[in-house]
């Protein structure tokens, strides 16, 4: 007998993936270059040449067993040491290899973090707008995801609603900054207030409330915006990182869990990750990719195109009368739709081969997301289509 909950999920597929598939099919009809596909957050810039050179060098010079064999369950020791040293250098916190677990991307890191600190029936709180896959990530552990409604003025944390929602069942709070889908960076003021609430509530409830920080966009910030280190503010932080966006490596599925060195039982938690892997199959990310990223930890792809694209879209959207919080980073923008029903708005945009994602799935009805990780030339060509859509449909 097939498991019903997974059968049920077939009728609730990712809206983002469905729209991406539609864009691909439409591209087969009219040429994909004529489809303005803002659906999927798939990095569009090349990997750094240094990463490619590192891979070639390793393949030419290293033992194949070392490159392609299983890594230790916590990750390759030298890689964990390199990650810890990089974090200490960058953020001034005394990370050591004992605080690092290599994972299969941010999703794999989150899968371990949830299971570290929750049991079935426990609650994890996150803040809208949020990445919609958080629901299956959390729900399928047996824990319950609770979503705080958005602060639509600035997309910082809606603290009044948060403090009403937090309870003795809350074992963790999850944040994503820079944020998918809004592009907003949580300010130092926001993070300090969040840390103060978590300390106060941990003491009140008699158990630690962990902060799970999902950080795949940490390196993509614009215009001198500071992206504060989340772990700096709260000692019980579990950092979940991916190299997918910073190095344009989403298909390689490589990232890590970094438990704050001051967190009680930090080393035990990392060792527990190795045991969690036994049950969920997220064990031993590819050895060759672990070794390759360890050699380029201080580098990123050329991420400047994302800021160029953001400015093009933001200026056009504002000129057309959209309400929009200007992104601080990522490669997403999250304007308010020109009608209350964002699903209807995005459906109408399809007539103009504009693939936009309604905000309902992100916990923010009435908004829509554009993933502008596409060539700048294509962004520029999409602007006349956007203007026609707005003029012909909404008279603007």
Foldseek 3Di string as FASTA:
>chain_A
DDDVVVVVCVVVDDLLVVLVVVLVVVCVVVNSLQFAAQRDQAFQFAFDVLLVVLLVVCVVDHDVCLQFPFDPFQANQVLLQLVQVVCCVVAVANGGSLQKGKFQFLLRLLLLVLVLFDAAAAEEEEEPLADLCVQVSNVVRNYYYHYQAAPVVARQHPVVSVVVPDDLSAQEYEYEPVGPAALAAHDPVSLLVVQVVQVVVCVVNVHHYAYEYRYAFVPFFDDPDDRDDSCVRHQRYWYRYGLCHFRVPNVQRITMIGHRPNHVCSSVSSVVSSVVCVVPVRTGRRSNVSVSCSVVVVHGGPNVQLVVLLVLVVVLCVVLPWAWNRRRTDNKTKTFAPDQAQVVRQVLLVVLSHHWAASVSSNDGRIIMGRRSHGSVSSVVCSVSVVCSCCVPPVD
